[in-house]
Structures are given as structure tokens and as C-alpha cells.
Amino acid sequence: MPPVYHRLHNTRTQSDATAREQQRSGRICGREALWSHLKSVKAYPGLLPRGRAGIEFETPLPPTDRASYVSWLEGAPGVVASADGDYVCIEVTIRRIVPDAGEQRRASRRAGPPKEAS
């Protein structure tokens, strides 16, 4: 069984919509980190912490870099460029998505009140 990794929810790079697209495509993509010129997919090792929103996933690809987080760097085996070249991506199996409650509330407010049947 491949190791498990997670990414915490954030509205810029790991929104609920992003999580659904990652599950649909079977890929997680990433860009350059701050102060870096190398594109990479970044995550944390282990299960998604209890009570936190985000995704939990598996990949057979070993991380290129390990610290308090793990990353799969541009140019490493199995790390592929996106069609537009702006990202690098890895193949994954999403094990679990925990939506962000605040993002769900904001989305329902934007949708407005339910319409009455006529």
C-alpha cells in the first residue's frame, strides 16, 4: 500500500473546488514555491489531521524532497508538466476529501435563498 499524504484546505491552492477536480482527474498539480524557481507538488506526510479540511491521497511516486512537508520536484521521475506548462503534476488516488465549512457557507450565501415552487 502506498504511503498517505495530505494537503490542508486554503482558498488559494487547495479549495473545495480544487479538491473535486483533483479527485476527478486523479492528479495534483503545483507551481513554484515562494523563493524557488522549481515547480513542485507540495503536501504533508501522513493522514489529514482530525478536524481539519483538505484532502488525503496516495501516490506510488516517492517524494523528491522531505522536510516538515514533502514535495515532488519538476524533472523527477513521474512528475509531468501540465498541458500549458504552468504546473507540474503527479498521479494520485484521493482517499478522502474534507470540505471547508466556511467555504460551504460562503457558497450557499452566494447562491441565495431557495426558490419556491410555482
Protein backbone atom coordinates (compact mmCIF):
# COMPACT_ATOMS: atom_id res chain seq x y z
CA MET A 1 0.00 0.00 0.00
CA PRO A 2 1.45 3.39 -0.97
CA PRO A 3 2.16 5.98 1.73
CA VAL A 4 -0.55 8.53 2.58
CA TYR A 5 -0.11 12.29 2.28
CA HIS A 6 -2.40 15.26 2.84
CA ARG A 7 -2.92 18.87 1.78
CA LEU A 8 -4.70 21.33 4.04
CA HIS A 9 -7.55 23.44 2.71
CA ASN A 10 -6.77 27.00 1.69
CA THR A 11 -8.69 29.22 -0.69
CA ARG A 12 -5.73 29.91 -2.99
CA THR A 13 -4.28 26.49 -3.82
CA GLN A 14 -6.45 23.83 -2.16
CA SER A 15 -10.09 24.93 -2.27
CA ASP A 16 -13.05 22.56 -2.21
CA ALA A 17 -13.43 23.02 -5.99
CA THR A 18 -9.75 22.17 -6.47
CA ALA A 19 -10.19 19.02 -4.37
CA ARG A 20 -13.13 17.88 -6.51
CA GLU A 21 -11.11 18.47 -9.70
CA GLN A 22 -8.16 16.54 -8.25
CA GLN A 23 -10.45 13.63 -7.45
CA ARG A 24 -11.97 13.75 -10.95
CA SER A 25 -8.61 13.94 -12.76
CA GLY A 26 -6.53 11.74 -10.45
CA ARG A 27 -3.82 14.42 -10.45
CA ILE A 28 -2.46 17.02 -8.07
CA CYS A 29 -0.53 19.90 -9.59
CA GLY A 30 1.75 22.57 -8.18
CA ARG A 31 3.74 25.67 -9.08
CA GLU A 32 6.94 27.28 -7.84
CA ALA A 33 7.13 27.77 -4.09
CA LEU A 34 7.93 31.20 -2.75
CA TRP A 35 11.64 31.95 -3.39
CA SER A 36 12.02 28.97 -5.74
CA HIS A 37 12.36 28.62 -9.50
CA LEU A 38 11.42 24.91 -9.49
CA LYS A 39 7.81 23.85 -9.89
CA SER A 40 6.71 21.21 -7.40
CA VAL A 41 3.70 19.47 -5.88
CA LYS A 42 3.71 20.01 -2.12
CA ALA A 43 2.00 18.07 0.68
CA TYR A 44 2.43 16.85 4.24
CA PRO A 45 3.19 13.23 5.16
CA GLY A 46 0.52 11.17 6.91
CA LEU A 47 -3.22 11.37 7.41
CA LEU A 48 -5.24 14.58 7.29
CA PRO A 49 -5.35 15.84 10.90
CA ARG A 50 -8.65 15.35 12.71
CA GLY A 51 -10.90 18.40 12.49
CA ARG A 52 -9.03 19.94 9.52
CA ALA A 53 -10.36 20.48 5.99
CA GLY A 54 -8.37 19.29 2.99
CA ILE A 55 -7.55 16.12 1.09
CA GLU A 56 -5.85 12.85 1.87
CA PHE A 57 -4.20 10.98 -1.01
CA GLU A 58 -1.88 8.17 -2.06
CA THR A 59 0.67 8.08 -4.84
CA PRO A 60 3.17 5.39 -5.78
CA LEU A 61 5.75 8.12 -6.53
CA PRO A 62 8.26 8.70 -3.74
CA PRO A 63 8.69 12.37 -2.83
CA THR A 64 11.77 14.08 -4.20
CA ASP A 65 12.28 16.20 -1.12
CA ARG A 66 11.40 15.58 2.53
CA ALA A 67 11.32 18.03 5.40
CA SER A 68 8.34 19.07 7.54
CA TYR A 69 6.50 18.66 4.25
CA VAL A 70 7.17 16.56 1.15
CA SER A 71 7.42 17.64 -2.45
CA TRP A 72 7.67 16.16 -5.90
CA LEU A 73 10.02 18.37 -7.92
CA GLU A 74 9.94 19.29 -11.58
CA GLY A 75 12.14 16.88 -13.54
CA ALA A 76 11.82 13.95 -11.12
CA PRO A 77 10.57 10.60 -12.50
CA GLY A 78 6.76 10.57 -12.73
CA VAL A 79 6.41 14.35 -12.28
CA VAL A 80 4.90 15.68 -15.52
CA ALA A 81 4.26 19.17 -16.87
CA SER A 82 0.66 20.32 -17.34
CA ALA A 83 -0.54 20.95 -20.90
CA ASP A 84 0.05 24.71 -20.52
CA GLY A 85 3.44 24.22 -18.82
CA ASP A 86 2.47 26.38 -15.84
CA TYR A 87 2.31 23.46 -13.39
CA VAL A 88 3.84 20.07 -12.67
CA CYS A 89 1.53 17.20 -11.73
CA ILE A 90 1.61 13.76 -10.13
CA GLU A 91 -0.87 10.90 -10.43
CA VAL A 92 -2.76 10.26 -7.19
CA THR A 93 -5.67 8.40 -5.67
CA ILE A 94 -7.73 10.68 -3.45
CA ARG A 95 -8.68 8.76 -0.31
CA ARG A 96 -10.73 11.44 1.42
CA ILE A 97 -11.95 15.00 0.97
CA VAL A 98 -13.00 17.03 4.00
CA PRO A 99 -14.74 20.20 2.77
CA ASP A 100 -14.18 23.53 4.49
CA ALA A 101 -17.35 24.52 6.38
CA GLY A 102 -16.66 28.24 5.89
CA GLU A 103 -16.29 27.81 2.13
CA GLN A 104 -19.57 25.90 2.00
CA ARG A 105 -21.40 28.66 3.94
CA ARG A 106 -20.00 31.35 1.64
CA ALA A 107 -21.08 29.39 -1.44
CA SER A 108 -24.63 28.91 -0.13
CA ARG A 109 -24.93 32.65 0.65
CA ARG A 110 -23.84 33.49 -2.91
CA ALA A 111 -26.48 31.12 -4.27
CA GLY A 112 -29.20 32.96 -2.37
CA PRO A 113 -32.33 31.59 -0.72
CA PRO A 114 -34.04 28.54 -2.20
CA LYS A 115 -36.64 29.34 -4.84
CA GLU A 116 -40.26 28.49 -4.12
CA ALA A 117 -42.02 26.07 -6.39
CA SER A 118 -44.75 27.66 -8.50
